[in-house]
């Protein structure tokens, strides 16, 4: 869903294929993915180089997206890998295909 600010989504970034994975939620997917790529915000993704947007799921509301994010964060690592590889088997960076 597109809010006034952008796309509401749960997303995963990675340092490389089968590398470090970060799960997050945002109401501005394009902007947030750019922030991860450029390392402009200090924290986990900058420290571990999670710059590749490898998976995202669009939601109707930020409340739904936050609930899904909390659920995914509790999953075992292999389940997250399976989710990524179901839609993106090569772990391609999806950022270039996002529309601003």
N, C-alpha and C. Protein backbone atom coordinates (compact mmCIF):
# COMPACT_ATOMS: atom_id res chain seq x y z
N UNK A 1 0.85 -1.17 0.00
CA UNK A 1 0.00 0.00 0.00
C UNK A 1 0.89 1.24 0.00
N UNK A 2 0.44 2.27 -0.64
CA UNK A 2 1.20 3.51 -0.69
C UNK A 2 0.54 4.52 0.24
N UNK A 3 1.29 4.99 1.21
CA UNK A 3 0.81 6.02 2.11
C UNK A 3 1.14 7.38 1.50
N UNK A 4 0.82 8.45 2.21
CA UNK A 4 1.19 9.78 1.70
C UNK A 4 2.70 9.90 1.59
N UNK A 5 3.42 9.17 2.44
CA UNK A 5 4.88 9.24 2.46
C UNK A 5 5.53 8.25 1.51
N UNK A 6 4.88 7.11 1.23
CA UNK A 6 5.50 6.10 0.38
C UNK A 6 4.89 4.73 0.61
N UNK A 7 5.67 3.69 0.36
CA UNK A 7 5.21 2.32 0.45
C UNK A 7 5.39 1.81 1.88
N UNK A 8 4.31 1.29 2.47
CA UNK A 8 4.36 0.67 3.80
C UNK A 8 4.80 -0.77 3.60
N UNK A 9 5.89 -1.18 4.24
CA UNK A 9 6.41 -2.52 3.99
C UNK A 9 7.26 -3.05 5.14
N UNK A 10 7.28 -4.37 5.21
CA UNK A 10 8.28 -5.10 5.99
C UNK A 10 9.35 -5.47 4.98
N UNK A 11 10.60 -5.41 5.36
CA UNK A 11 11.67 -5.67 4.39
C UNK A 11 12.85 -6.36 5.06
N UNK A 12 13.68 -6.97 4.22
CA UNK A 12 14.93 -7.53 4.70
C UNK A 12 16.06 -7.02 3.82
N UNK A 13 17.14 -6.61 4.48
CA UNK A 13 18.37 -6.26 3.79
C UNK A 13 19.42 -7.29 4.18
N UNK A 14 20.44 -7.41 3.33
CA UNK A 14 21.50 -8.39 3.60
C UNK A 14 22.84 -7.81 3.18
N UNK A 15 23.89 -8.35 3.79
CA UNK A 15 25.25 -7.92 3.44
C UNK A 15 25.71 -8.58 2.14
N UNK A 16 25.21 -9.78 1.89
CA UNK A 16 25.51 -10.56 0.67
C UNK A 16 24.61 -11.78 0.71
N UNK A 17 24.68 -12.62 -0.30
CA UNK A 17 23.88 -13.84 -0.30
C UNK A 17 24.28 -14.70 0.90
N UNK A 18 23.31 -15.09 1.68
CA UNK A 18 23.49 -15.88 2.90
C UNK A 18 24.35 -15.18 3.95
N UNK A 19 24.46 -13.86 3.84
CA UNK A 19 25.22 -13.08 4.81
C UNK A 19 24.33 -12.63 5.95
N UNK A 20 24.72 -11.55 6.58
CA UNK A 20 23.96 -10.97 7.68
C UNK A 20 22.64 -10.44 7.14
N UNK A 21 21.54 -10.71 7.86
CA UNK A 21 20.20 -10.29 7.45
C UNK A 21 19.63 -9.35 8.50
N UNK A 22 19.00 -8.29 8.02
CA UNK A 22 18.30 -7.35 8.91
C UNK A 22 16.84 -7.29 8.47
N UNK A 23 15.92 -7.35 9.42
CA UNK A 23 14.49 -7.22 9.15
C UNK A 23 14.01 -5.91 9.73
N UNK A 24 13.27 -5.14 8.92
CA UNK A 24 12.76 -3.86 9.38
C UNK A 24 11.37 -3.57 8.83
N UNK A 25 10.82 -2.45 9.26
CA UNK A 25 9.51 -1.99 8.80
C UNK A 25 9.61 -0.51 8.53
N UNK A 26 8.86 -0.03 7.55
CA UNK A 26 8.92 1.38 7.19
C UNK A 26 7.64 1.80 6.48
N UNK A 27 7.37 3.07 6.47
CA UNK A 27 6.27 3.62 5.66
C UNK A 27 6.83 4.34 4.44
N UNK A 28 8.16 4.29 4.29
CA UNK A 28 8.83 4.93 3.15
C UNK A 28 9.91 3.99 2.61
N UNK A 29 9.50 2.92 1.96
CA UNK A 29 10.45 1.87 1.57
C UNK A 29 11.59 2.39 0.71
N UNK A 30 11.29 3.18 -0.30
CA UNK A 30 12.36 3.66 -1.19
C UNK A 30 13.39 4.46 -0.42
N UNK A 31 12.94 5.38 0.43
CA UNK A 31 13.86 6.21 1.22
C UNK A 31 14.66 5.35 2.20
N UNK A 32 13.98 4.43 2.87
CA UNK A 32 14.67 3.61 3.88
C UNK A 32 15.71 2.70 3.24
N UNK A 33 15.37 2.12 2.09
CA UNK A 33 16.33 1.27 1.39
C UNK A 33 17.55 2.09 0.96
N UNK A 34 17.32 3.31 0.51
CA UNK A 34 18.44 4.19 0.13
C UNK A 34 19.32 4.48 1.35
N UNK A 35 18.70 4.74 2.50
CA UNK A 35 19.46 5.01 3.72
C UNK A 35 20.36 3.83 4.09
N UNK A 36 19.84 2.61 3.95
CA UNK A 36 20.65 1.42 4.22
C UNK A 36 21.81 1.33 3.22
N UNK A 37 21.52 1.53 1.95
CA UNK A 37 22.54 1.43 0.90
C UNK A 37 23.69 2.41 1.13
N UNK A 38 23.33 3.61 1.52
CA UNK A 38 24.32 4.68 1.68
C UNK A 38 24.95 4.70 3.07
N UNK A 39 24.41 3.96 4.01
CA UNK A 39 24.96 3.92 5.36
C UNK A 39 24.85 5.24 6.09
N UNK A 40 23.78 5.99 5.84
CA UNK A 40 23.65 7.32 6.43
C UNK A 40 23.17 7.30 7.88
N UNK A 41 22.62 6.17 8.34
CA UNK A 41 22.13 6.09 9.71
C UNK A 41 22.96 5.07 10.47
N UNK A 42 23.59 5.49 11.57
CA UNK A 42 24.39 4.54 12.35
C UNK A 42 23.52 3.43 12.92
N UNK A 43 24.11 2.27 13.10
CA UNK A 43 23.38 1.16 13.70
C UNK A 43 23.77 -0.17 13.09
N UNK A 44 22.92 -1.15 13.30
CA UNK A 44 23.19 -2.53 12.90
C UNK A 44 23.49 -2.65 11.41
N UNK A 45 22.63 -2.09 10.57
CA UNK A 45 22.83 -2.28 9.12
C UNK A 45 24.10 -1.63 8.62
N UNK A 46 24.46 -0.50 9.16
CA UNK A 46 25.71 0.15 8.76
C UNK A 46 26.90 -0.66 9.26
N UNK A 47 26.84 -1.10 10.51
CA UNK A 47 27.93 -1.87 11.11
C UNK A 47 28.20 -3.18 10.36
N UNK A 48 27.12 -3.85 9.94
CA UNK A 48 27.28 -5.16 9.30
C UNK A 48 27.13 -5.12 7.78
N UNK A 49 27.02 -3.94 7.20
CA UNK A 49 27.00 -3.81 5.75
C UNK A 49 25.76 -4.38 5.07
N UNK A 50 24.63 -4.29 5.72
CA UNK A 50 23.37 -4.81 5.14
C UNK A 50 22.80 -3.76 4.19
N UNK A 51 23.31 -3.75 2.97
CA UNK A 51 22.96 -2.73 1.99
C UNK A 51 22.03 -3.21 0.90
N UNK A 52 21.90 -4.52 0.73
CA UNK A 52 21.08 -5.07 -0.35
C UNK A 52 19.65 -5.28 0.11
N UNK A 53 18.70 -4.68 -0.58
CA UNK A 53 17.29 -4.94 -0.31
C UNK A 53 16.94 -6.25 -1.02
N UNK A 54 16.77 -7.33 -0.24
CA UNK A 54 16.60 -8.66 -0.84
C UNK A 54 15.17 -9.18 -0.75
N UNK A 55 14.32 -8.55 0.06
CA UNK A 55 12.93 -9.00 0.19
C UNK A 55 12.10 -7.88 0.79
N UNK A 56 10.86 -7.75 0.33
CA UNK A 56 9.91 -6.86 1.00
C UNK A 56 8.50 -7.33 0.75
N UNK A 57 7.62 -6.91 1.64
CA UNK A 57 6.22 -7.29 1.59
C UNK A 57 5.40 -6.04 1.91
N UNK A 58 4.55 -5.64 1.00
CA UNK A 58 3.75 -4.43 1.16
C UNK A 58 2.53 -4.71 2.04
N UNK A 59 2.18 -3.73 2.88
CA UNK A 59 1.04 -3.87 3.81
C UNK A 59 0.10 -2.68 3.68
N UNK A 60 -1.13 -2.91 4.12
CA UNK A 60 -2.16 -1.87 4.09
C UNK A 60 -1.94 -0.81 5.15
N UNK A 61 -1.41 -1.22 6.30
CA UNK A 61 -1.22 -0.26 7.39
C UNK A 61 0.11 -0.54 8.09
N UNK A 62 0.60 0.48 8.75
CA UNK A 62 1.85 0.35 9.49
C UNK A 62 1.65 -0.59 10.68
N UNK A 63 0.46 -0.66 11.22
CA UNK A 63 0.19 -1.57 12.34
C UNK A 63 0.34 -3.02 11.89
N UNK A 64 -0.24 -3.36 10.74
CA UNK A 64 -0.09 -4.71 10.19
C UNK A 64 1.37 -5.02 9.90
N UNK A 65 2.07 -4.05 9.32
CA UNK A 65 3.47 -4.25 8.97
C UNK A 65 4.32 -4.48 10.22
N UNK A 66 4.07 -3.74 11.28
CA UNK A 66 4.84 -3.92 12.52
C UNK A 66 4.59 -5.29 13.14
N UNK A 67 3.34 -5.75 13.08
CA UNK A 67 3.02 -7.08 13.60
C UNK A 67 3.77 -8.15 12.82
N UNK A 68 3.79 -8.03 11.50
CA UNK A 68 4.49 -9.00 10.65
C UNK A 68 6.00 -8.94 10.91
N UNK A 69 6.56 -7.75 11.07
CA UNK A 69 7.98 -7.60 11.36
C UNK A 69 8.34 -8.32 12.66
N UNK A 70 7.56 -8.11 13.71
CA UNK A 70 7.83 -8.76 14.99
C UNK A 70 7.79 -10.28 14.86
N UNK A 71 6.85 -10.76 14.07
CA UNK A 71 6.74 -12.20 13.84
C UNK A 71 7.98 -12.74 13.13
N UNK A 72 8.37 -12.09 12.05
CA UNK A 72 9.53 -12.53 11.26
C UNK A 72 10.81 -12.46 12.09
N UNK A 73 10.96 -11.45 12.90
CA UNK A 73 12.17 -11.32 13.73
C UNK A 73 12.33 -12.48 14.70
N UNK A 74 11.23 -13.12 15.08
CA UNK A 74 11.30 -14.27 15.99
C UNK A 74 11.59 -15.58 15.25
N UNK A 75 11.51 -15.57 13.94
CA UNK A 75 11.73 -16.79 13.15
C UNK A 75 13.19 -17.23 13.21
N UNK A 76 13.42 -18.54 13.04
CA UNK A 76 14.80 -19.02 12.86
C UNK A 76 15.39 -18.45 11.56
N UNK A 77 16.68 -18.31 11.53
CA UNK A 77 17.37 -17.77 10.36
C UNK A 77 16.99 -18.50 9.07
N UNK A 78 16.91 -19.82 9.11
CA UNK A 78 16.61 -20.58 7.90
C UNK A 78 15.24 -20.23 7.33
N UNK A 79 14.28 -19.95 8.16
CA UNK A 79 12.96 -19.56 7.67
C UNK A 79 13.04 -18.23 6.91
N UNK A 80 13.87 -17.31 7.43
CA UNK A 80 14.05 -16.02 6.74
C UNK A 80 14.72 -16.24 5.39
N UNK A 81 15.73 -17.09 5.36
CA UNK A 81 16.40 -17.42 4.09
C UNK A 81 15.40 -18.03 3.11
N UNK A 82 14.57 -18.94 3.59
CA UNK A 82 13.56 -19.56 2.73
C UNK A 82 12.60 -18.52 2.17
N UNK A 83 12.19 -17.56 2.99
CA UNK A 83 11.29 -16.50 2.54
C UNK A 83 11.95 -15.66 1.45
N UNK A 84 13.20 -15.29 1.66
CA UNK A 84 13.92 -14.51 0.66
C UNK A 84 14.03 -15.31 -0.63
N UNK A 85 14.47 -16.55 -0.52
CA UNK A 85 14.75 -17.35 -1.72
C UNK A 85 13.49 -17.79 -2.45
N UNK A 86 12.35 -17.78 -1.78
CA UNK A 86 11.09 -18.09 -2.48
C UNK A 86 10.82 -17.06 -3.58
N UNK A 87 11.08 -15.78 -3.28
CA UNK A 87 10.81 -14.70 -4.22
C UNK A 87 12.05 -14.17 -4.93
N UNK A 88 13.22 -14.41 -4.36
CA UNK A 88 14.45 -13.82 -4.87
C UNK A 88 15.60 -14.82 -4.70
N UNK A 89 15.58 -15.92 -5.47
CA UNK A 89 16.55 -17.01 -5.25
C UNK A 89 18.01 -16.60 -5.40
N UNK A 90 18.30 -15.56 -6.16
CA UNK A 90 19.68 -15.13 -6.35
C UNK A 90 20.10 -14.01 -5.39
N UNK A 91 19.19 -13.61 -4.52
CA UNK A 91 19.43 -12.52 -3.58
C UNK A 91 19.81 -11.23 -4.33
N UNK A 92 19.15 -10.97 -5.44
CA UNK A 92 19.40 -9.75 -6.20
C UNK A 92 18.98 -8.54 -5.37
N UNK A 93 19.63 -7.42 -5.60
CA UNK A 93 19.26 -6.17 -4.94
C UNK A 93 18.00 -5.64 -5.61
N UNK A 94 16.91 -5.53 -4.87
CA UNK A 94 15.63 -5.09 -5.42
C UNK A 94 15.49 -3.57 -5.47
N UNK A 95 16.40 -2.87 -4.84
CA UNK A 95 16.32 -1.41 -4.77
C UNK A 95 16.23 -0.74 -6.15
N UNK A 96 17.05 -1.13 -7.12
CA UNK A 96 17.00 -0.43 -8.41
C UNK A 96 15.63 -0.51 -9.10
N UNK A 97 14.81 -1.48 -8.74
CA UNK A 97 13.50 -1.61 -9.37
C UNK A 97 12.36 -0.92 -8.61
N UNK A 98 12.69 -0.33 -7.47
CA UNK A 98 11.67 0.43 -6.72
C UNK A 98 11.43 1.74 -7.43
N UNK A 99 10.20 2.17 -7.37
CA UNK A 99 9.88 3.50 -7.93
C UNK A 99 9.80 4.50 -6.80
N UNK A 100 10.47 5.61 -6.99
CA UNK A 100 10.50 6.65 -5.94
C UNK A 100 9.14 7.32 -5.80
